[in-house]
PDB file of N, CA and C in Angstrom:
ATOM      1  N   UNK A   1     -42.953 -72.175  69.154  1.00  0.00           N
ATOM      2  CA  UNK A   1     -43.649 -71.780  70.366  1.00  0.00           C
ATOM      3  C   UNK A   1     -44.466 -70.524  70.066  1.00  0.00           C
ATOM      4  N   UNK A   2     -45.725 -70.553  70.393  1.00  0.00           N
ATOM      5  CA  UNK A   2     -46.594 -69.415  70.110  1.00  0.00           C
ATOM      6  C   UNK A   2     -46.524 -68.389  71.243  1.00  0.00           C
ATOM      7  N   UNK A   3     -46.817 -67.139  70.889  1.00  0.00           N
ATOM      8  CA  UNK A   3     -46.826 -66.057  71.863  1.00  0.00           C
ATOM      9  C   UNK A   3     -48.225 -65.973  72.463  1.00  0.00           C
ATOM     10  N   UNK A   4     -48.297 -65.791  73.762  1.00  0.00           N
ATOM     11  CA  UNK A   4     -49.581 -65.688  74.456  1.00  0.00           C
ATOM     12  C   UNK A   4     -50.321 -64.427  74.007  1.00  0.00           C
ATOM     13  N   UNK A   5     -51.644 -64.495  73.879  1.00  0.00           N
ATOM     14  CA  UNK A   5     -52.421 -63.318  73.483  1.00  0.00           C
ATOM     15  C   UNK A   5     -52.155 -62.092  74.362  1.00  0.00           C
ATOM     16  N   UNK A   6     -52.028 -62.288  75.669  1.00  0.00           N
ATOM     17  CA  UNK A   6     -51.773 -61.165  76.566  1.00  0.00           C
ATOM     18  C   UNK A   6     -50.470 -60.465  76.196  1.00  0.00           C
ATOM     19  N   UNK A   7     -49.440 -61.225  75.859  1.00  0.00           N
ATOM     20  CA  UNK A   7     -48.150 -60.646  75.492  1.00  0.00           C
ATOM     21  C   UNK A   7     -48.255 -59.829  74.201  1.00  0.00           C
ATOM     22  N   UNK A   8     -49.087 -60.270  73.281  1.00  0.00           N
ATOM     23  CA  UNK A   8     -49.275 -59.539  72.022  1.00  0.00           C
ATOM     24  C   UNK A   8     -49.944 -58.199  72.291  1.00  0.00           C
ATOM     25  N   UNK A   9     -50.990 -58.203  73.092  1.00  0.00           N
ATOM     26  CA  UNK A   9     -51.690 -56.957  73.421  1.00  0.00           C
ATOM     27  C   UNK A   9     -50.776 -56.035  74.229  1.00  0.00           C
ATOM     28  N   UNK A  10     -50.034 -56.573  75.181  1.00  0.00           N
ATOM     29  CA  UNK A  10     -49.111 -55.748  75.960  1.00  0.00           C
ATOM     30  C   UNK A  10     -48.003 -55.165  75.092  1.00  0.00           C
ATOM     31  N   UNK A  11     -47.572 -55.902  74.090  1.00  0.00           N
ATOM     32  CA  UNK A  11     -46.563 -55.357  73.174  1.00  0.00           C
ATOM     33  C   UNK A  11     -47.136 -54.179  72.393  1.00  0.00           C
ATOM     34  N   UNK A  12     -48.407 -54.262  71.974  1.00  0.00           N
ATOM     35  CA  UNK A  12     -49.039 -53.139  71.305  1.00  0.00           C
ATOM     36  C   UNK A  12     -49.065 -51.914  72.230  1.00  0.00           C
ATOM     37  N   UNK A  13     -49.439 -52.138  73.495  1.00  0.00           N
ATOM     38  CA  UNK A  13     -49.496 -51.022  74.443  1.00  0.00           C
ATOM     39  C   UNK A  13     -48.099 -50.449  74.688  1.00  0.00           C
ATOM     40  N   UNK A  14     -47.137 -51.304  74.960  1.00  0.00           N
ATOM     41  CA  UNK A  14     -45.802 -50.835  75.336  1.00  0.00           C
ATOM     42  C   UNK A  14     -44.983 -50.322  74.153  1.00  0.00           C
ATOM     43  N   UNK A  15     -44.918 -51.086  73.082  1.00  0.00           N
ATOM     44  CA  UNK A  15     -44.098 -50.694  71.937  1.00  0.00           C
ATOM     45  C   UNK A  15     -44.844 -49.768  70.981  1.00  0.00           C
ATOM     46  N   UNK A  16     -46.106 -50.101  70.707  1.00  0.00           N
ATOM     47  CA  UNK A  16     -46.874 -49.308  69.755  1.00  0.00           C
ATOM     48  C   UNK A  16     -47.333 -47.990  70.333  1.00  0.00           C
ATOM     49  N   UNK A  17     -48.092 -48.029  71.432  1.00  0.00           N
ATOM     50  CA  UNK A  17     -48.649 -46.806  72.004  1.00  0.00           C
ATOM     51  C   UNK A  17     -47.607 -46.014  72.790  1.00  0.00           C
ATOM     52  N   UNK A  18     -47.060 -46.605  73.830  1.00  0.00           N
ATOM     53  CA  UNK A  18     -46.103 -45.872  74.661  1.00  0.00           C
ATOM     54  C   UNK A  18     -44.776 -45.642  73.957  1.00  0.00           C
ATOM     55  N   UNK A  19     -44.411 -46.539  73.048  1.00  0.00           N
ATOM     56  CA  UNK A  19     -43.177 -46.381  72.287  1.00  0.00           C
ATOM     57  C   UNK A  19     -43.339 -45.571  71.019  1.00  0.00           C
ATOM     58  N   UNK A  20     -44.575 -45.144  70.742  1.00  0.00           N
ATOM     59  CA  UNK A  20     -44.881 -44.332  69.545  1.00  0.00           C
ATOM     60  C   UNK A  20     -44.395 -45.014  68.264  1.00  0.00           C
ATOM     61  N   UNK A  21     -44.595 -46.325  68.183  1.00  0.00           N
ATOM     62  CA  UNK A  21     -44.108 -47.104  67.043  1.00  0.00           C
ATOM     63  C   UNK A  21     -45.293 -47.726  66.301  1.00  0.00           C
ATOM     64  N   UNK A  22     -45.849 -46.977  65.366  1.00  0.00           N
ATOM     65  CA  UNK A  22     -47.008 -47.477  64.626  1.00  0.00           C
ATOM     66  C   UNK A  22     -46.639 -48.593  63.644  1.00  0.00           C
ATOM     67  N   UNK A  23     -45.364 -48.785  63.375  1.00  0.00           N
ATOM     68  CA  UNK A  23     -44.940 -49.858  62.472  1.00  0.00           C
ATOM     69  C   UNK A  23     -45.308 -51.233  63.017  1.00  0.00           C
ATOM     70  N   UNK A  24     -45.460 -51.365  64.334  1.00  0.00           N
ATOM     71  CA  UNK A  24     -45.806 -52.675  64.894  1.00  0.00           C
ATOM     72  C   UNK A  24     -47.242 -53.081  64.555  1.00  0.00           C
ATOM     73  N   UNK A  25     -48.052 -52.130  64.083  1.00  0.00           N
ATOM     74  CA  UNK A  25     -49.410 -52.492  63.673  1.00  0.00           C
ATOM     75  C   UNK A  25     -49.363 -53.571  62.600  1.00  0.00           C
ATOM     76  N   UNK A  26     -48.470 -53.434  61.627  1.00  0.00           N
ATOM     77  CA  UNK A  26     -48.366 -54.433  60.563  1.00  0.00           C
ATOM     78  C   UNK A  26     -47.971 -55.795  61.100  1.00  0.00           C
ATOM     79  N   UNK A  27     -47.213 -55.810  62.166  1.00  0.00           N
ATOM     80  CA  UNK A  27     -46.767 -57.066  62.762  1.00  0.00           C
ATOM     81  C   UNK A  27     -47.805 -57.682  63.696  1.00  0.00           C
ATOM     82  N   UNK A  28     -48.497 -56.838  64.468  1.00  0.00           N
ATOM     83  CA  UNK A  28     -49.367 -57.337  65.528  1.00  0.00           C
ATOM     84  C   UNK A  28     -50.838 -57.447  65.158  1.00  0.00           C
ATOM     85  N   UNK A  29     -51.286 -56.671  64.173  1.00  0.00           N
ATOM     86  CA  UNK A  29     -52.705 -56.641  63.812  1.00  0.00           C
ATOM     87  C   UNK A  29     -52.933 -57.443  62.535  1.00  0.00           C
ATOM     88  N   UNK A  30     -53.974 -58.251  62.531  1.00  0.00           N
ATOM     89  CA  UNK A  30     -54.336 -59.021  61.336  1.00  0.00           C
ATOM     90  C   UNK A  30     -54.769 -58.054  60.226  1.00  0.00           C
ATOM     91  N   UNK A  31     -54.544 -58.422  58.966  1.00  0.00           N
ATOM     92  CA  UNK A  31     -54.979 -57.551  57.867  1.00  0.00           C
ATOM     93  C   UNK A  31     -56.471 -57.226  57.910  1.00  0.00           C
ATOM     94  N   UNK A  32     -57.267 -58.148  58.435  1.00  0.00           N
ATOM     95  CA  UNK A  32     -58.718 -57.936  58.511  1.00  0.00           C
ATOM     96  C   UNK A  32     -59.167 -57.472  59.900  1.00  0.00           C
ATOM     97  N   UNK A  33     -58.260 -56.874  60.672  1.00  0.00           N
ATOM     98  CA  UNK A  33     -58.548 -56.364  62.012  1.00  0.00           C
ATOM     99  C   UNK A  33     -59.754 -55.429  61.991  1.00  0.00           C
ATOM    100  N   UNK A  34     -60.608 -55.559  63.018  1.00  0.00           N
ATOM    101  CA  UNK A  34     -61.766 -54.688  63.154  1.00  0.00           C
ATOM    102  C   UNK A  34     -61.818 -54.150  64.585  1.00  0.00           C
ATOM    103  N   UNK A  35     -61.872 -52.823  64.694  1.00  0.00           N
ATOM    104  CA  UNK A  35     -62.109 -52.161  65.964  1.00  0.00           C
ATOM    105  C   UNK A  35     -63.590 -51.822  66.002  1.00  0.00           C
ATOM    106  N   UNK A  36     -64.321 -52.472  66.889  1.00  0.00           N
ATOM    107  CA  UNK A  36     -65.760 -52.239  67.028  1.00  0.00           C
ATOM    108  C   UNK A  36     -65.944 -51.054  67.972  1.00  0.00           C
ATOM    109  N   UNK A  37     -66.035 -49.870  67.407  1.00  0.00           N
ATOM    110  CA  UNK A  37     -66.075 -48.644  68.192  1.00  0.00           C
ATOM    111  C   UNK A  37     -67.490 -48.099  68.301  1.00  0.00           C
ATOM    112  N   UNK A  38     -67.979 -47.860  69.529  1.00  0.00           N
ATOM    113  CA  UNK A  38     -69.306 -47.257  69.653  1.00  0.00           C
ATOM    114  C   UNK A  38     -69.337 -45.839  69.082  1.00  0.00           C
ATOM    115  N   UNK A  39     -68.201 -45.181  69.058  1.00  0.00           N
ATOM    116  CA  UNK A  39     -68.103 -43.816  68.549  1.00  0.00           C
ATOM    117  C   UNK A  39     -67.970 -43.776  67.032  1.00  0.00           C
ATOM    118  N   UNK A  40     -67.222 -44.713  66.452  1.00  0.00           N
ATOM    119  CA  UNK A  40     -66.889 -44.666  65.027  1.00  0.00           C
ATOM    120  C   UNK A  40     -67.566 -45.743  64.186  1.00  0.00           C
ATOM    121  N   UNK A  41     -68.140 -46.738  64.834  1.00  0.00           N
ATOM    122  CA  UNK A  41     -68.590 -47.907  64.092  1.00  0.00           C
ATOM    123  C   UNK A  41     -67.415 -48.868  63.949  1.00  0.00           C
ATOM    124  N   UNK A  42     -67.466 -49.746  62.994  1.00  0.00           N
ATOM    125  CA  UNK A  42     -66.376 -50.699  62.768  1.00  0.00           C
ATOM    126  C   UNK A  42     -65.323 -50.059  61.869  1.00  0.00           C
ATOM    127  N   UNK A  43     -64.091 -50.007  62.362  1.00  0.00           N
ATOM    128  CA  UNK A  43     -62.985 -49.447  61.580  1.00  0.00           C
ATOM    129  C   UNK A  43     -61.846 -50.457  61.536  1.00  0.00           C
ATOM    130  N   UNK A  44     -60.999 -50.326  60.545  1.00  0.00           N
ATOM    131  CA  UNK A  44     -59.924 -51.280  60.332  1.00  0.00           C
ATOM    132  C   UNK A  44     -58.570 -50.807  60.806  1.00  0.00           C
ATOM    133  N   UNK A  45     -57.589 -51.544  60.402  1.00  0.00           N
ATOM    134  CA  UNK A  45     -56.205 -51.336  60.812  1.00  0.00           C
ATOM    135  C   UNK A  45     -55.666 -49.978  60.359  1.00  0.00           C
ATOM    136  N   UNK A  46     -55.955 -49.593  59.132  1.00  0.00           N
ATOM    137  CA  UNK A  46     -55.443 -48.329  58.598  1.00  0.00           C
ATOM    138  C   UNK A  46     -56.018 -47.139  59.369  1.00  0.00           C
ATOM    139  N   UNK A  47     -57.321 -47.190  59.648  1.00  0.00           N
ATOM    140  CA  UNK A  47     -57.936 -46.098  60.403  1.00  0.00           C
ATOM    141  C   UNK A  47     -57.373 -46.039  61.818  1.00  0.00           C
ATOM    142  N   UNK A  48     -57.155 -47.197  62.412  1.00  0.00           N
ATOM    143  CA  UNK A  48     -56.583 -47.251  63.759  1.00  0.00           C
ATOM    144  C   UNK A  48     -55.214 -46.594  63.775  1.00  0.00           C
ATOM    145  N   UNK A  49     -54.389 -46.851  62.781  1.00  0.00           N
ATOM    146  CA  UNK A  49     -53.061 -46.228  62.702  1.00  0.00           C
ATOM    147  C   UNK A  49     -53.188 -44.711  62.550  1.00  0.00           C
ATOM    148  N   UNK A  50     -54.108 -44.270  61.696  1.00  0.00           N
ATOM    149  CA  UNK A  50     -54.298 -42.839  61.458  1.00  0.00           C
ATOM    150  C   UNK A  50     -54.786 -42.140  62.734  1.00  0.00           C
ATOM    151  N   UNK A  51     -55.776 -42.717  63.404  1.00  0.00           N
ATOM    152  CA  UNK A  51     -56.310 -42.105  64.616  1.00  0.00           C
ATOM    153  C   UNK A  51     -55.272 -42.099  65.731  1.00  0.00           C
ATOM    154  N   UNK A  52     -54.507 -43.172  65.867  1.00  0.00           N
ATOM    155  CA  UNK A  52     -53.477 -43.240  66.902  1.00  0.00           C
ATOM    156  C   UNK A  52     -52.393 -42.195  66.645  1.00  0.00           C
ATOM    157  N   UNK A  53     -52.009 -42.006  65.394  1.00  0.00           N
ATOM    158  CA  UNK A  53     -51.036 -40.966  65.052  1.00  0.00           C
ATOM    159  C   UNK A  53     -51.567 -39.588  65.442  1.00  0.00           C
ATOM    160  N   UNK A  54     -52.863 -39.375  65.284  1.00  0.00           N
ATOM    161  CA  UNK A  54     -53.481 -38.117  65.703  1.00  0.00           C
ATOM    162  C   UNK A  54     -53.398 -37.904  67.200  1.00  0.00           C
ATOM    163  N   UNK A  55     -53.601 -38.971  67.971  1.00  0.00           N
ATOM    164  CA  UNK A  55     -53.446 -38.875  69.426  1.00  0.00           C
ATOM    165  C   UNK A  55     -52.004 -38.527  69.788  1.00  0.00           C
ATOM    166  N   UNK A  56     -51.052 -39.136  69.104  1.00  0.00           N
ATOM    167  CA  UNK A  56     -49.640 -38.842  69.374  1.00  0.00           C
ATOM    168  C   UNK A  56     -49.350 -37.363  69.160  1.00  0.00           C
ATOM    169  N   UNK A  57     -49.908 -36.805  68.105  1.00  0.00           N
ATOM    170  CA  UNK A  57     -49.678 -35.394  67.777  1.00  0.00           C
ATOM    171  C   UNK A  57     -50.379 -34.469  68.769  1.00  0.00           C
ATOM    172  N   UNK A  58     -51.623 -34.781  69.090  1.00  0.00           N
ATOM    173  CA  UNK A  58     -52.412 -33.917  69.977  1.00  0.00           C
ATOM    174  C   UNK A  58     -51.963 -33.996  71.435  1.00  0.00           C
ATOM    175  N   UNK A  59     -51.545 -35.169  71.850  1.00  0.00           N
ATOM    176  CA  UNK A  59     -51.154 -35.395  73.245  1.00  0.00           C
ATOM    177  C   UNK A  59     -49.739 -35.940  73.270  1.00  0.00           C
ATOM    178  N   UNK A  60     -48.779 -35.051  73.095  1.00  0.00           N
ATOM    179  CA  UNK A  60     -47.397 -35.482  72.906  1.00  0.00           C
ATOM    180  C   UNK A  60     -46.826 -36.268  74.083  1.00  0.00           C
ATOM    181  N   UNK A  61     -47.346 -36.060  75.268  1.00  0.00           N
ATOM    182  CA  UNK A  61     -46.852 -36.773  76.452  1.00  0.00           C
ATOM    183  C   UNK A  61     -47.730 -37.950  76.850  1.00  0.00           C
ATOM    184  N   UNK A  62     -48.663 -38.311  75.989  1.00  0.00           N
ATOM    185  CA  UNK A  62     -49.622 -39.371  76.293  1.00  0.00           C
ATOM    186  C   UNK A  62     -48.910 -40.675  76.606  1.00  0.00           C
ATOM    187  N   UNK A  63     -49.311 -41.314  77.690  1.00  0.00           N
ATOM    188  CA  UNK A  63     -48.853 -42.645  78.044  1.00  0.00           C
ATOM    189  C   UNK A  63     -50.062 -43.471  78.435  1.00  0.00           C
ATOM    190  N   UNK A  64     -50.104 -44.688  77.968  1.00  0.00           N
ATOM    191  CA  UNK A  64     -51.180 -45.592  78.318  1.00  0.00           C
ATOM    192  C   UNK A  64     -50.750 -46.377  79.548  1.00  0.00           C
ATOM    193  N   UNK A  65     -51.604 -46.397  80.551  1.00  0.00           N
ATOM    194  CA  UNK A  65     -51.315 -47.125  81.781  1.00  0.00           C
ATOM    195  C   UNK A  65     -52.588 -47.847  82.204  1.00  0.00           C
ATOM    196  N   UNK A  66     -52.441 -48.766  83.118  1.00  0.00           N
ATOM    197  CA  UNK A  66     -53.600 -49.512  83.592  1.00  0.00           C
ATOM    198  C   UNK A  66     -54.669 -48.580  84.137  1.00  0.00           C
ATOM    199  N   UNK A  67     -54.256 -47.438  84.664  1.00  0.00           N
ATOM    200  CA  UNK A  67     -55.203 -46.474  85.211  1.00  0.00           C
ATOM    201  C   UNK A  67     -55.755 -45.541  84.136  1.00  0.00           C
ATOM    202  N   UNK A  68     -55.212 -45.578  82.926  1.00  0.00           N
ATOM    203  CA  UNK A  68     -55.681 -44.724  81.850  1.00  0.00           C
ATOM    204  C   UNK A  68     -55.232 -43.290  81.986  1.00  0.00           C
ATOM    205  N   UNK A  69     -54.071 -43.045  82.581  1.00  0.00           N
ATOM    206  CA  UNK A  69     -53.600 -41.684  82.773  1.00  0.00           C
ATOM    207  C   UNK A  69     -52.972 -41.138  81.500  1.00  0.00           C
ATOM    208  N   UNK A  70     -53.262 -39.889  81.224  1.00  0.00           N
ATOM    209  CA  UNK A  70     -52.693 -39.191  80.075  1.00  0.00           C
ATOM    210  C   UNK A  70     -52.142 -37.868  80.576  1.00  0.00           C
ATOM    211  N   UNK A  71     -50.924 -37.551  80.203  1.00  0.00           N
ATOM    212  CA  UNK A  71     -50.355 -36.265  80.586  1.00  0.00           C
ATOM    213  C   UNK A  71     -50.119 -35.462  79.317  1.00  0.00           C
ATOM    214  N   UNK A  72     -51.033 -34.571  78.960  1.00  0.00           N
ATOM    215  CA  UNK A  72     -50.843 -33.764  77.748  1.00  0.00           C
ATOM    216  C   UNK A  72     -49.804 -32.677  77.959  1.00  0.00           C
ATOM    217  N   UNK A  73     -49.393 -32.041  76.881  1.00  0.00           N
ATOM    218  CA  UNK A  73     -48.339 -31.035  76.951  1.00  0.00           C
ATOM    219  C   UNK A  73     -48.766 -29.791  77.714  1.00  0.00           C
ATOM    220  N   UNK A  74     -50.017 -29.701  78.122  1.00  0.00           N
ATOM    221  CA  UNK A  74     -50.483 -28.570  78.933  1.00  0.00           C
ATOM    222  C   UNK A  74     -49.940 -28.651  80.347  1.00  0.00           C
ATOM    223  N   UNK A  75     -49.359 -29.774  80.708  1.00  0.00           N
ATOM    224  CA  UNK A  75     -48.853 -29.949  82.055  1.00  0.00           C
ATOM    225  C   UNK A  75     -49.917 -30.375  83.040  1.00  0.00           C
ATOM    226  N   UNK A  76     -51.098 -30.686  82.551  1.00  0.00           N
ATOM    227  CA  UNK A  76     -52.178 -31.134  83.417  1.00  0.00           C
ATOM    228  C   UNK A  76     -52.378 -32.633  83.221  1.00  0.00           C
ATOM    229  N   UNK A  77     -52.759 -33.280  84.280  1.00  0.00           N
ATOM    230  CA  UNK A  77     -53.025 -34.706  84.224  1.00  0.00           C
ATOM    231  C   UNK A  77     -54.487 -34.912  83.858  1.00  0.00           C
ATOM    232  N   UNK A  78     -54.715 -35.631  82.768  1.00  0.00           N
ATOM    233  CA  UNK A  78     -56.065 -35.945  82.319  1.00  0.00           C
ATOM    234  C   UNK A  78     -56.254 -37.442  82.499  1.00  0.00           C
ATOM    235  N   UNK A  79     -57.277 -37.820  83.234  1.00  0.00           N
ATOM    236  CA  UNK A  79     -57.527 -39.229  83.494  1.00  0.00           C
ATOM    237  C   UNK A  79     -58.904 -39.602  82.967  1.00  0.00           C
ATOM    238  N   UNK A  80     -58.957 -40.687  82.215  1.00  0.00           N
ATOM    239  CA  UNK A  80     -60.236 -41.228  81.785  1.00  0.00           C
ATOM    240  C   UNK A  80     -60.114 -42.736  81.750  1.00  0.00           C
ATOM    241  N   UNK A  81     -61.234 -43.393  81.691  1.00  0.00           N
ATOM    242  CA  UNK A  81     -61.266 -44.849  81.775  1.00  0.00           C
ATOM    243  C   UNK A  81     -61.666 -45.447  80.438  1.00  0.00           C
ATOM    244  N   UNK A  82     -60.944 -46.468  80.043  1.00  0.00           N
ATOM    245  CA  UNK A  82     -61.300 -47.258  78.865  1.00  0.00           C
ATOM    246  C   UNK A  82     -61.310 -48.717  79.301  1.00  0.00           C
ATOM    247  N   UNK A  83     -62.426 -49.352  79.092  1.00  0.00           N
ATOM    248  CA  UNK A  83     -62.507 -50.800  79.283  1.00  0.00           C
ATOM    249  C   UNK A  83     -62.422 -51.395  77.895  1.00  0.00           C
ATOM    250  N   UNK A  84     -61.517 -52.317  77.704  1.00  0.00           N
ATOM    251  CA  UNK A  84     -61.429 -52.911  76.378  1.00  0.00           C
ATOM    252  C   UNK A  84     -61.029 -54.369  76.446  1.00  0.00           C
ATOM    253  N   UNK A  85     -61.380 -55.052  75.386  1.00  0.00           N
ATOM    254  CA  UNK A  85     -60.973 -56.440  75.224  1.00  0.00           C
ATOM    255  C   UNK A  85     -60.593 -56.650  73.770  1.00  0.00           C
ATOM    256  N   UNK A  86     -59.606 -57.479  73.565  1.00  0.00           N
ATOM    257  CA  UNK A  86     -59.148 -57.793  72.213  1.00  0.00           C
ATOM    258  C   UNK A  86     -59.210 -59.292  71.995  1.00  0.00           C
ATOM    259  N   UNK A  87     -59.487 -59.665  70.763  1.00  0.00           N
ATOM    260  CA  UNK A  87     -59.439 -61.082  70.388  1.00  0.00           C
ATOM    261  C   UNK A  87     -58.187 -61.295  69.560  1.00  0.00           C
ATOM    262  N   UNK A  88     -57.403 -62.271  69.966  1.00  0.00           N
ATOM    263  CA  UNK A  88     -56.160 -62.616  69.278  1.00  0.00           C
ATOM    264  C   UNK A  88     -56.327 -63.992  68.676  1.00  0.00           C
ATOM    265  N   UNK A  89     -55.939 -64.127  67.411  1.00  0.00           N
ATOM    266  CA  UNK A  89     -55.997 -65.413  66.723  1.00  0.00           C
ATOM    267  C   UNK A  89     -54.759 -65.565  65.858  1.00  0.00           C
ATOM    268  N   UNK A  90     -54.134 -66.706  65.927  1.00  0.00           N
ATOM    269  CA  UNK A  90     -52.925 -66.999  65.145  1.00  0.00           C
ATOM    270  C   UNK A  90     -51.854 -65.928  65.323  1.00  0.00           C
ATOM    271  N   UNK A  91     -51.717 -65.450  66.557  1.00  0.00           N
ATOM    272  CA  UNK A  91     -50.659 -64.504  66.876  1.00  0.00           C
ATOM    273  C   UNK A  91     -50.908 -63.073  66.442  1.00  0.00           C
ATOM    274  N   UNK A  92     -52.134 -62.740  66.046  1.00  0.00           N
ATOM    275  CA  UNK A  92     -52.465 -61.379  65.590  1.00  0.00           C
ATOM    276  C   UNK A  92     -53.706 -60.877  66.321  1.00  0.00           C
ATOM    277  N   UNK A  93     -53.748 -59.572  66.565  1.00  0.00           N
ATOM    278  CA  UNK A  93     -54.953 -58.956  67.118  1.00  0.00           C
ATOM    279  C   UNK A  93     -55.960 -58.859  65.984  1.00  0.00           C
ATOM    280  N   UNK A  94     -57.111 -59.489  66.152  1.00  0.00           N
ATOM    281  CA  UNK A  94     -58.115 -59.581  65.098  1.00  0.00           C
ATOM    282  C   UNK A  94     -59.277 -58.617  65.332  1.00  0.00           C
ATOM    283  N   UNK A  95     -59.672 -58.467  66.602  1.00  0.00           N
ATOM    284  CA  UNK A  95     -60.792 -57.594  66.930  1.00  0.00           C
ATOM    285  C   UNK A  95     -60.540 -56.895  68.251  1.00  0.00           C
ATOM    286  N   UNK A  96     -61.184 -55.736  68.392  1.00  0.00           N
ATOM    287  CA  UNK A  96     -61.118 -54.966  69.635  1.00  0.00           C
ATOM    288  C   UNK A  96     -62.491 -54.365  69.907  1.00  0.00           C
ATOM    289  N   UNK A  97     -62.886 -54.410  71.177  1.00  0.00           N
ATOM    290  CA  UNK A  97     -64.109 -53.753  71.640  1.00  0.00           C
ATOM    291  C   UNK A  97     -63.693 -52.860  72.800  1.00  0.00           C
ATOM    292  N   UNK A  98     -64.243 -51.661  72.864  1.00  0.00           N
ATOM    293  CA  UNK A  98     -63.886 -50.751  73.954  1.00  0.00           C
ATOM    294  C   UNK A  98     -65.072 -49.891  74.334  1.00  0.00           C
ATOM    295  N   UNK A  99     -65.105 -49.545  75.592  1.00  0.00           N
ATOM    296  CA  UNK A  99     -66.078 -48.593  76.119  1.00  0.00           C
ATOM    297  C   UNK A  99     -65.271 -47.497  76.789  1.00  0.00           C
ATOM    298  N   UNK A 100     -65.542 -46.253  76.422  1.00  0.00           N
ATOM    299  CA  UNK A 100     -64.802 -45.112  76.947  1.00  0.00           C
ATOM    300  C   UNK A 100     -65.664 -44.305  77.904  1.00  0.00           C
ATOM    301  N   UNK A 101     -65.070 -43.877  78.996  1.00  0.00           N
ATOM    302  CA  UNK A 101     -65.703 -42.932  79.902  1.00  0.00           C
ATOM    303  C   UNK A 101     -64.858 -41.667  79.854  1.00  0.00           C
ATOM    304  N   UNK A 102     -65.287 -40.716  79.024  1.00  0.00           N
ATOM    305  CA  UNK A 102     -64.509 -39.501  78.825  1.00  0.00           C
ATOM    306  C   UNK A 102     -64.886 -38.394  79.800  1.00  0.00           C
ATOM    307  N   UNK A 103     -65.563 -38.740  80.883  1.00  0.00           N
ATOM    308  CA  UNK A 103     -65.791 -37.749  81.927  1.00  0.00           C
ATOM    309  C   UNK A 103     -64.460 -37.626  82.662  1.00  0.00           C
ATOM    310  N   UNK A 104     -63.655 -36.705  82.161  1.00  0.00           N
ATOM    311  CA  UNK A 104     -62.261 -36.582  82.579  1.00  0.00           C
ATOM    312  C   UNK A 104     -62.125 -35.895  83.930  1.00  0.00           C
ATOM    313  N   UNK A 105     -61.034 -36.224  84.561  1.00  0.00           N
ATOM    314  CA  UNK A 105     -60.599 -35.503  85.737  1.00  0.00           C
ATOM    315  C   UNK A 105     -59.313 -34.807  85.348  1.00  0.00           C
ATOM    316  N   UNK A 106     -59.274 -33.503  85.467  1.00  0.00           N
ATOM    317  CA  UNK A 106     -58.093 -32.732  85.091  1.00  0.00           C
ATOM    318  C   UNK A 106     -57.512 -32.127  86.360  1.00  0.00           C
ATOM    319  N   UNK A 107     -56.219 -32.328  86.551  1.00  0.00           N
ATOM    320  CA  UNK A 107     -55.561 -31.773  87.728  1.00  0.00           C
ATOM    321  C   UNK A 107     -54.174 -31.296  87.351  1.00  0.00           C
ATOM    322  N   UNK A 108     -53.592 -30.450  88.174  1.00  0.00           N
ATOM    323  CA  UNK A 108     -52.228 -29.972  87.969  1.00  0.00           C
ATOM    324  C   UNK A 108     -51.271 -31.112  88.264  1.00  0.00           C
ATOM    325  N   UNK A 109     -50.174 -31.176  87.520  1.00  0.00           N
ATOM    326  CA  UNK A 109     -49.166 -32.216  87.782  1.00  0.00           C
ATOM    327  C   UNK A 109     -48.076 -31.699  88.668  1.00  0.00           C
TER     328      UNK A 109
END
């Protein structure tokens, strides 16, 4: 029985991002994974792991939610929007496209 693409992407969000478990990249992302980033150009799986680890370090309380809320260790709520879509093939995330709106709203928590 195959896993639905939505479940694979949600596992990346829940276990990988919110669970701070970069080891799932090897399980969930295809070896030839490409993140089509308007900011970085096309980057692969290794760069994605490195950049995500940097986010974990810089924003220790970061949580990914449908609303895109991030709570950094400053105690302020930072909200920004990311629209993204991923292509899943043969049970692996193969490609990702995202558009970021970094016009943040910062408020006290």
